[in-house]
């Protein structure tokens, strides 16, 4: 090999090395990009996990219930379709709904239906304790039945007092009546703030009444962001849950419960018996003396403290409407007890609203005003008909000659003669004996 061939050979080797290096770099770039994207995904997962760990138990449960609500709405439509009005909802838990001095129809039909629709609706039979409750919940909705207990003027002054009280002026007031006269009704509607409307129970009943009331509740944001009533357990309410593993039956303590799921606390000594997305078909819950089978899926598990885990579970579809109704009734029974303990612990309202002790005559007069005009019209029509359809025999009797009338009057005179005292008769018969 000549010396002139050496530089050419070296240059070819350099070119081949550079080519190999370029190819190596090209193959490494996709790998580095993949590794970079993997690192970014890992970092995102870590951040999500950190966020999850920092979320509170209530936030986790809210998310779980929102997911359950979305699934239920997609699976089935509600029994009564209600067009949703624009909401002015509370941040989270919505507004309490009170029915004051309600008739039996509202107490036995309307309120139970609202509870099944997940509205927190309560009955206050004695209006004297209403303000005790409303001062504790100044954003509540309050429907007042005004046909008894006080005169309409008394109820007018009672509702007017809400607008003059700083703690009560924010209440969403609505009225109910079955027989209020139209002028009185107009007085209420023209002079009072009634965001809850004025419902005439004699005009709207059944499913239509439920639809109207739910429409008012939706318009005023009664549910808020939470879709389901949730009962927080404490020392007075003890609910236990049970589920089986392959080797043992475990007990957990229920922290709170709704009709779509529950939160439970259990010791870390159980180990990893519950995990995210795990289905627990054997779960059951004891409500008082009744046990309800509640197959569930684990939404999330996290550490509660040094000794306990916290788990949020959602009911599976196997938990049917009847079992959910049992859970709802249990929840509301304890909610009502808590509210009664709050409002009846304070003294009743003793203010005079004019008409509390209205006389029965005055009350009858008020309730009859609604039909007075109709009765007057009917009486006038009867008079006109009587004058137009007078019987012919009455007219003929009026036109009889005077001599006929006198002949008709004779028998009555003879009867009068027959009734004269008996002592006059012997004096008339004496000449004949002689």
Protein backbone atom coordinates (compact mmCIF):
# COMPACT_ATOMS: atom_id res chain seq x y z
CA UNK A 1 0.00 0.00 0.00
CA UNK A 2 1.36 3.37 -0.99
CA UNK A 3 1.53 6.36 1.27
CA UNK A 4 -0.96 8.25 -0.94
CA UNK A 5 -3.65 5.66 -0.16
CA UNK A 6 -3.40 6.16 3.64
CA UNK A 7 -5.09 9.61 3.84
CA UNK A 8 -7.94 8.41 1.65
CA UNK A 9 -8.49 5.41 3.89
CA UNK A 10 -8.44 7.51 7.05
CA UNK A 11 -10.96 9.93 5.57
CA UNK A 12 -13.32 7.06 4.69
CA UNK A 13 -13.05 5.66 8.25
CA UNK A 14 -13.85 9.09 9.69
CA UNK A 15 -16.92 9.38 7.47
CA UNK A 16 -18.17 5.95 8.49
CA UNK A 17 -17.68 6.79 12.19
CA UNK A 18 -19.58 10.06 11.83
CA UNK A 19 -22.37 8.22 10.03
CA UNK A 20 -22.62 5.62 12.79
CA UNK A 21 -22.61 8.35 15.42
CA UNK A 22 -25.45 10.20 13.65
CA UNK A 23 -27.50 7.00 13.40
CA UNK A 24 -26.90 6.30 17.09
CA UNK A 25 -28.09 9.79 18.02
CA UNK A 26 -31.23 9.36 15.92
CA UNK A 27 -32.08 6.12 17.67
CA UNK A 28 -31.41 7.61 21.09
CA UNK A 29 -33.66 10.66 20.61
CA UNK A 30 -36.97 8.72 20.57
CA UNK A 31 -35.84 6.73 23.58
CA UNK A 32 -34.97 9.92 25.45
CA UNK A 33 -38.32 11.44 24.47
CA UNK A 34 -40.14 8.35 25.74
CA UNK A 35 -38.20 8.45 28.98
CA UNK A 36 -38.96 12.18 29.37
CA UNK A 37 -42.71 11.62 28.82
CA UNK A 38 -42.65 8.71 31.29
CA UNK A 39 -40.96 10.91 33.85
CA UNK A 40 -43.61 13.61 33.30
CA UNK A 41 -46.43 11.09 33.70
CA UNK A 42 -44.83 9.72 36.84
CA UNK A 43 -44.55 13.23 38.22
CA UNK A 44 -48.22 13.92 37.40
CA UNK A 45 -49.29 10.68 39.12
CA UNK A 46 -47.25 11.63 42.16
CA UNK A 47 -48.84 15.08 42.24
CA UNK A 48 -52.32 13.55 41.88
CA UNK A 49 -51.57 11.16 44.71
CA UNK A 50 -50.37 14.03 46.87
CA UNK A 51 -53.52 15.99 46.07
CA UNK A 52 -55.63 12.96 46.93
CA UNK A 53 -53.89 12.57 50.24
CA UNK A 54 -54.44 16.24 51.07
CA UNK A 55 -58.19 16.06 50.25
CA UNK A 56 -60.46 15.91 53.25
CA UNK A 57 -62.85 13.06 53.93
CA UNK A 58 -65.84 15.25 53.01
CA UNK A 59 -64.30 16.20 49.65
CA UNK A 60 -63.72 12.55 48.82
CA UNK A 61 -67.26 11.69 49.81
CA UNK A 62 -68.68 14.59 47.78
CA UNK A 63 -66.81 13.37 44.71
CA UNK A 64 -68.03 9.82 45.27
CA UNK A 65 -71.64 10.97 45.60
CA UNK A 66 -71.36 13.15 42.50
CA UNK A 67 -70.14 10.11 40.58
CA UNK A 68 -73.02 8.01 41.93
CA UNK A 69 -75.51 10.74 41.02
CA UNK A 70 -74.21 10.93 37.47
CA UNK A 71 -74.46 7.16 37.09
CA UNK A 72 -77.99 7.06 38.47
CA UNK A 73 -79.17 9.92 36.26
CA UNK A 74 -77.73 8.16 33.23
CA UNK A 75 -79.30 4.83 34.19
CA UNK A 76 -82.83 5.97 35.06
CA UNK A 77 -85.04 9.04 34.89
CA UNK A 78 -86.74 10.36 38.05
CA UNK A 79 -90.35 9.37 38.75
CA UNK A 80 -91.62 12.93 38.28
CA UNK A 81 -89.93 14.99 35.60
CA UNK A 82 -89.34 18.59 36.68
CA UNK A 83 -87.79 21.21 34.42
CA UNK A 84 -84.86 22.65 36.35
CA UNK A 85 -84.99 26.36 36.97
CA UNK A 86 -81.88 28.54 37.34
CA UNK A 87 -80.38 27.82 40.76
CA UNK A 88 -79.18 30.13 43.49
CA UNK A 89 -77.71 27.29 45.47
CA UNK A 90 -75.85 27.21 48.73
CA UNK A 91 -72.14 26.40 48.50
CA UNK A 92 -72.56 22.77 49.55
CA UNK A 93 -75.44 21.48 51.62
CA UNK A 94 -78.44 23.43 50.30
CA UNK A 95 -81.35 24.83 52.31
CA UNK A 96 -83.69 23.35 54.87
CA UNK A 97 -87.41 23.39 54.01
CA UNK A 98 -90.07 23.98 56.69
CA UNK A 99 -93.85 23.51 56.47
CA UNK A 100 -95.51 25.52 59.24
CA UNK A 101 -99.01 24.71 60.58
CA UNK A 102 -99.62 22.33 57.62
CA UNK A 103 -102.88 20.48 56.88
CA UNK A 104 -102.83 16.68 56.98
CA UNK A 105 -102.56 16.47 53.20
CA UNK A 106 -99.21 18.29 53.27
CA UNK A 107 -97.97 16.41 56.34
CA UNK A 108 -98.93 12.91 55.16
CA UNK A 109 -98.36 13.22 51.40
CA UNK A 110 -96.25 16.17 50.26
CA UNK A 111 -93.50 16.13 52.88
CA UNK A 112 -92.80 12.34 52.64
CA UNK A 113 -92.53 12.67 48.85
CA UNK A 114 -90.02 15.50 49.17
CA UNK A 115 -87.93 13.40 51.56
CA UNK A 116 -87.80 10.59 49.00
CA UNK A 117 -86.58 13.19 46.47
CA UNK A 118 -83.69 13.98 48.88
CA UNK A 119 -85.00 17.35 50.13
CA UNK A 120 -84.46 18.17 53.80
CA UNK A 121 -88.11 19.01 54.56
CA UNK A 122 -89.48 19.36 58.10
CA UNK A 123 -92.88 19.89 59.74
CA UNK A 124 -93.45 22.52 62.46
CA UNK A 125 -97.00 22.08 63.75
CA UNK A 126 -96.95 24.97 66.24
CA UNK A 127 -96.10 28.27 64.57
CA UNK A 128 -94.91 29.67 67.93
CA UNK A 129 -91.66 27.68 67.54
CA UNK A 130 -91.05 28.56 63.89
CA UNK A 131 -88.83 31.56 64.52
CA UNK A 132 -86.61 29.45 66.83
CA UNK A 133 -85.80 27.21 63.86
CA UNK A 134 -85.50 29.93 61.24
CA UNK A 135 -83.03 31.98 63.29
CA UNK A 136 -80.70 28.93 63.27
CA UNK A 137 -81.06 28.51 59.49
CA UNK A 138 -81.43 32.01 58.01
CA UNK A 139 -81.30 30.74 54.42
CA UNK A 140 -84.18 28.25 54.85
CA UNK A 141 -87.38 28.00 52.83
CA UNK A 142 -90.59 28.27 54.86
CA UNK A 143 -94.11 27.44 53.60
CA UNK A 144 -96.88 28.65 55.95
CA UNK A 145 -100.48 27.39 55.88
CA UNK A 146 -102.67 30.37 56.79
CA UNK A 147 -106.24 29.01 56.91
CA UNK A 148 -106.35 28.43 60.68
CA UNK A 149 -104.72 29.19 64.05
CA UNK A 150 -104.88 32.94 63.30
CA UNK A 151 -106.99 35.31 61.25
CA UNK A 152 -105.66 36.29 57.84
CA UNK A 153 -104.76 39.71 59.23
CA UNK A 154 -102.84 37.99 62.02
CA UNK A 155 -100.90 35.88 59.53
CA UNK A 156 -100.20 38.99 57.45
CA UNK A 157 -98.62 40.73 60.44
CA UNK A 158 -96.75 37.55 61.38
CA UNK A 159 -95.07 37.30 57.96
CA UNK A 160 -94.49 41.05 57.88
CA UNK A 161 -92.49 40.69 61.11
CA UNK A 162 -89.98 38.52 59.20
CA UNK A 163 -89.07 41.46 57.00
CA UNK A 164 -88.50 43.64 60.07
CA UNK A 165 -86.12 41.15 61.74
CA UNK A 166 -82.48 41.12 60.59
CA UNK A 167 -82.13 37.37 61.21
CA UNK A 168 -85.40 36.45 59.46
CA UNK A 169 -85.49 38.82 56.50
CA UNK A 170 -83.38 36.37 54.45
CA UNK A 171 -85.95 33.55 54.80
CA UNK A 172 -87.56 32.38 51.55
CA UNK A 173 -91.25 32.56 52.54
CA UNK A 174 -94.09 30.86 50.67
CA UNK A 175 -97.78 30.62 51.55
CA UNK A 176 -100.40 27.86 51.32
CA UNK A 177 -104.17 28.14 51.51
CA UNK A 178 -107.27 26.27 50.40
CA UNK A 179 -109.99 28.91 50.84
CA UNK A 180 -108.57 32.42 51.23
CA UNK A 181 -110.78 35.09 49.58
CA UNK A 182 -109.29 36.69 46.48
CA UNK A 183 -109.04 40.22 47.99
CA UNK A 184 -107.11 38.86 50.98
CA UNK A 185 -104.85 36.85 48.70
CA UNK A 186 -104.05 39.93 46.65
CA UNK A 187 -103.21 41.81 49.84
CA UNK A 188 -100.58 39.19 50.75
CA UNK A 189 -99.10 39.05 47.26
CA UNK A 190 -98.97 42.82 46.73
CA UNK A 191 -97.52 43.79 50.11
CA UNK A 192 -95.22 40.92 51.16
CA UNK A 193 -92.07 39.40 49.70
CA UNK A 194 -93.00 35.81 48.80
CA UNK A 195 -90.14 34.13 46.88
CA UNK A 196 -91.74 30.77 47.77
CA UNK A 197 -94.94 31.73 45.94
CA UNK A 198 -98.60 31.37 46.96
CA UNK A 199 -99.92 27.81 46.52
CA UNK A 200 -103.68 27.21 46.45
CA UNK A 201 -104.16 23.65 47.69
CA UNK A 202 -107.74 23.51 46.39
CA UNK A 203 -106.46 24.10 42.84
CA UNK A 204 -103.25 22.02 42.74
CA UNK A 205 -103.03 18.47 44.13
CA UNK A 206 -101.24 15.16 43.72
CA UNK A 207 -98.33 14.88 41.29
CA UNK A 208 -98.95 18.41 40.04
CA UNK A 209 -98.49 19.79 43.57
CA UNK A 210 -95.21 17.90 43.98
CA UNK A 211 -94.01 19.16 40.62
CA UNK A 212 -94.84 22.78 41.50
CA UNK A 213 -93.20 22.64 44.92
CA UNK A 214 -90.06 20.95 43.56
CA UNK A 215 -89.90 23.65 40.90
CA UNK A 216 -89.93 26.32 43.63
CA UNK A 217 -87.27 24.45 45.61
CA UNK A 218 -85.04 24.12 42.56
CA UNK A 219 -85.49 27.80 41.71
CA UNK A 220 -84.31 28.73 45.20
CA UNK A 221 -81.43 26.22 45.36
CA UNK A 222 -82.83 23.94 48.06
CA UNK A 223 -80.46 21.05 47.32
CA UNK A 224 -77.23 22.95 46.85
CA UNK A 225 -74.30 20.97 45.47
CA UNK A 226 -74.96 17.86 47.51
CA UNK A 227 -77.53 15.66 45.82
CA UNK A 228 -78.22 13.38 48.78
CA UNK A 229 -79.10 13.80 52.44
CA UNK A 230 -76.19 12.71 54.63
CA UNK A 231 -76.43 11.72 58.29
CA UNK A 232 -73.32 12.24 60.38
CA UNK A 233 -73.11 9.68 63.18
CA UNK A 234 -72.10 10.57 66.72
CA UNK A 235 -72.34 9.12 70.22
CA UNK A 236 -76.16 9.08 70.06
CA UNK A 237 -76.28 7.38 66.64
CA UNK A 238 -74.28 4.19 66.36
CA UNK A 239 -74.28 2.33 63.02
CA UNK A 240 -72.10 -0.69 62.40
CA UNK A 241 -71.14 -2.35 59.14
CA UNK A 242 -70.03 -5.93 58.55
CA UNK A 243 -68.29 -7.75 55.72
CA UNK A 244 -66.63 -11.13 55.33
CA UNK A 245 -63.19 -12.06 54.08
CA UNK A 246 -62.08 -15.56 53.24
CA UNK A 247 -61.22 -16.27 56.87
CA UNK A 248 -63.23 -13.95 59.13
CA UNK A 249 -66.16 -11.55 59.63
CA UNK A 250 -65.00 -7.97 60.19
CA UNK A 251 -66.84 -5.06 61.81
CA UNK A 252 -66.43 -1.37 60.88
CA UNK A 253 -67.84 1.82 62.39
CA UNK A 254 -70.01 3.96 60.06
CA UNK A 255 -69.01 7.65 60.25
CA UNK A 256 -71.77 8.96 57.96
CA UNK A 257 -74.32 7.53 55.54
CA UNK A 258 -76.52 8.57 52.62
CA UNK A 259 -78.81 6.69 50.26
CA UNK A 260 -75.92 6.13 47.80
CA UNK A 261 -73.03 5.20 50.08
CA UNK A 262 -71.25 5.57 53.39
CA UNK A 263 -67.95 6.29 55.07
CA UNK A 264 -66.48 3.80 57.51
CA UNK A 265 -63.51 3.69 59.88
CA UNK A 266 -61.70 0.46 60.74
CA UNK A 267 -58.45 -0.45 62.57
CA UNK A 268 -55.18 -0.79 60.69
CA UNK A 269 -54.71 -4.14 62.38
CA UNK A 270 -57.17 -5.54 59.80
CA UNK A 271 -54.50 -4.99 57.16
CA UNK A 272 -55.30 -4.30 53.50
CA UNK A 273 -58.81 -5.79 53.64
CA UNK A 274 -60.23 -2.90 51.56
CA UNK A 275 -58.64 -1.37 48.48
CA UNK A 276 -59.71 1.14 45.84
CA UNK A 277 -62.20 -0.27 43.27
CA UNK A 278 -62.63 -3.46 45.30
CA UNK A 279 -66.16 -4.94 45.20
CA UNK A 280 -67.46 -6.08 48.60
CA UNK A 281 -70.58 -8.20 47.91
CA UNK A 282 -70.98 -9.35 51.52
CA UNK A 283 -71.32 -5.90 53.10
CA UNK A 284 -74.30 -5.27 55.39
CA UNK A 285 -75.31 -2.38 57.68
CA UNK A 286 -77.26 -2.47 60.93
CA UNK A 287 -79.77 0.39 61.30
CA UNK A 288 -81.26 0.15 64.76
CA UNK A 289 -82.77 -3.31 64.95
CA UNK A 290 -82.79 -3.83 61.20
CA UNK A 291 -79.97 -5.20 59.07
CA UNK A 292 -79.78 -4.16 55.41
CA UNK A 293 -77.65 -5.99 52.81
CA UNK A 294 -75.58 -3.35 51.02
CA UNK A 295 -73.19 -4.79 48.38
CA UNK A 296 -70.71 -1.99 47.74
CA UNK A 297 -67.63 -0.90 45.82
CA UNK A 298 -64.71 0.88 47.46
CA UNK A 299 -64.28 4.41 46.10
CA UNK A 300 -61.17 5.27 48.10
CA UNK A 301 -59.13 4.31 51.17
CA UNK A 302 -56.73 6.52 53.11
CA UNK A 303 -55.10 6.74 56.51
CA UNK A 304 -57.36 8.31 59.14
CA UNK A 305 -54.93 8.43 62.06
CA UNK A 306 -52.12 6.31 63.51
CA UNK A 307 -54.46 3.45 64.32
CA UNK A 308 -57.29 3.58 61.75
CA UNK A 309 -58.10 3.63 58.05
CA UNK A 310 -60.85 5.68 56.43
CA UNK A 311 -62.83 4.16 53.50
CA UNK A 312 -65.56 5.57 51.28
CA UNK A 313 -67.90 3.00 49.69
CA UNK A 314 -70.74 3.34 47.18
CA UNK A 315 -73.76 1.02 47.04
CA UNK A 316 -74.05 -1.25 44.03
CA UNK A 317 -77.26 -1.50 42.04
CA UNK A 318 -78.20 -4.63 43.97
CA UNK A 319 -79.25 -2.29 46.78
CA UNK A 320 -82.79 -1.78 45.50
CA UNK A 321 -85.36 1.03 46.01
CA UNK A 322 -86.93 -0.64 49.07
CA UNK A 323 -83.63 -0.92 50.92
CA UNK A 324 -82.68 2.63 49.95
CA UNK A 325 -86.05 3.82 51.27
CA UNK A 326 -85.30 2.14 54.60
CA UNK A 327 -81.96 3.99 54.71
CA UNK A 328 -83.61 7.34 53.81
CA UNK A 329 -86.25 6.93 56.50
CA UNK A 330 -83.59 6.10 59.08
CA UNK A 331 -81.57 9.16 58.09
CA UNK A 332 -84.55 11.50 58.27
CA UNK A 333 -85.87 10.08 61.53
CA UNK A 334 -82.63 11.06 63.27
CA UNK A 335 -82.43 14.40 61.49
CA UNK A 336 -85.92 15.28 62.73
CA UNK A 337 -85.01 14.33 66.31
CA UNK A 338 -81.95 16.57 66.20
CA UNK A 339 -83.97 19.50 64.86
CA UNK A 340 -86.73 19.09 67.45
CA UNK A 341 -84.17 19.09 70.23
CA UNK A 342 -82.83 22.38 68.88
CA UNK A 343 -86.03 24.34 68.27
CA UNK A 344 -88.08 23.19 71.28
CA UNK A 345 -85.24 23.92 73.69
CA UNK A 346 -86.04 27.65 73.39
CA UNK A 347 -89.23 29.36 74.62
CA UNK A 348 -92.13 29.86 72.18
CA UNK A 349 -93.08 33.07 70.40
CA UNK A 350 -95.52 35.08 72.56
CA UNK A 351 -95.94 38.18 70.37
CA UNK A 352 -99.45 39.33 69.52
CA UNK A 353 -100.03 39.45 65.78
CA UNK A 354 -103.70 40.61 65.91
CA UNK A 355 -106.21 37.85 65.56
CA UNK A 356 -104.62 35.01 67.49
CA UNK A 357 -107.76 34.76 69.64
CA UNK A 358 -110.26 35.68 66.94
CA UNK A 359 -113.90 34.96 67.87
CA UNK A 360 -115.62 32.10 66.02
CA UNK A 361 -118.10 34.58 64.51
CA UNK A 362 -115.24 36.64 63.05
CA UNK A 363 -113.51 33.53 61.73
CA UNK A 364 -116.74 32.34 60.08
CA UNK A 365 -117.21 35.76 58.55
CA UNK A 366 -113.72 35.66 57.02
CA UNK A 367 -114.08 32.18 55.59
CA UNK A 368 -117.52 32.98 54.14
CA UNK A 369 -116.33 36.07 52.27
CA UNK A 370 -115.07 33.91 49.42
CA UNK A 371 -118.62 32.68 48.58
CA UNK A 372 -120.75 35.71 49.53
CA UNK A 373 -120.76 37.15 46.03
CA UNK A 374 -121.77 33.82 44.50
CA UNK A 375 -124.66 33.43 46.96
CA UNK A 376 -125.92 36.93 46.22
CA UNK A 377 -125.92 36.23 42.49
CA UNK A 378 -127.79 32.96 43.00
CA UNK A 379 -130.43 34.65 45.16
CA UNK A 380 -130.95 37.36 42.55
CA UNK A 381 -131.38 34.72 39.82
CA UNK A 382 -133.96 32.87 41.92
CA UNK A 383 -136.00 36.06 42.41
CA UNK A 384 -135.99 36.75 38.66
CA UNK A 385 -137.04 33.17 37.84
CA UNK A 386 -139.85 33.27 40.43
CA UNK A 387 -141.24 36.48 39.00
CA UNK A 388 -141.13 35.22 35.41
CA UNK A 389 -142.63 31.78 36.11
CA UNK A 390 -145.48 32.67 38.50
CA UNK A 391 -148.12 29.87 38.56
CA UNK A 392 -151.37 30.50 36.63
CA UNK A 393 -153.61 29.43 39.52
CA UNK A 394 -152.19 32.23 41.67
CA UNK A 395 -153.07 34.76 38.97
CA UNK A 396 -156.62 33.35 38.62
CA UNK A 397 -157.18 33.54 42.36
CA UNK A 398 -156.24 37.17 42.30
CA UNK A 399 -158.75 37.86 39.45
CA UNK A 400 -161.81 36.14 41.05
CA UNK A 401 -165.04 38.26 41.44
CA UNK A 402 -165.89 39.70 44.76
CA UNK A 403 -169.11 37.63 45.16
CA UNK A 404 -167.15 34.38 44.70
CA UNK A 405 -164.68 35.46 47.34
CA UNK A 406 -167.54 36.23 49.74
CA UNK A 407 -169.09 32.78 49.09
CA UNK A 408 -165.77 31.20 49.89
CA UNK A 409 -165.63 33.14 53.13
CA UNK A 410 -169.09 31.86 54.29
CA UNK A 411 -168.02 28.38 55.41
CA UNK A 412 -165.51 29.95 57.70
CA UNK A 413 -168.26 32.08 59.23
CA UNK A 414 -170.44 28.96 59.72
CA UNK A 415 -167.56 27.25 61.44
CA UNK A 416 -167.29 30.18 63.77
CA UNK A 417 -171.01 29.81 64.62
CA UNK A 418 -170.53 26.13 65.43
CA UNK A 419 -167.82 26.95 67.88
CA UNK A 420 -170.02 29.30 69.93
CA UNK A 421 -170.66 28.32 73.59
CA UNK A 422 -173.26 25.62 74.17
CA UNK A 423 -175.34 27.81 76.52
CA UNK A 424 -176.70 29.80 73.52
CA UNK A 425 -178.44 26.71 72.05
CA UNK A 426 -181.10 26.12 74.74
CA UNK A 427 -182.39 29.71 74.36
CA UNK A 428 -183.03 29.04 70.68
CA UNK A 429 -184.96 25.79 71.29
CA UNK A 430 -187.37 26.98 74.05
CA UNK A 431 -190.24 28.20 71.79
CA UNK A 432 -190.50 24.75 70.16
CA UNK A 433 -190.98 23.02 73.54
CA UNK A 434 -193.71 25.47 74.44
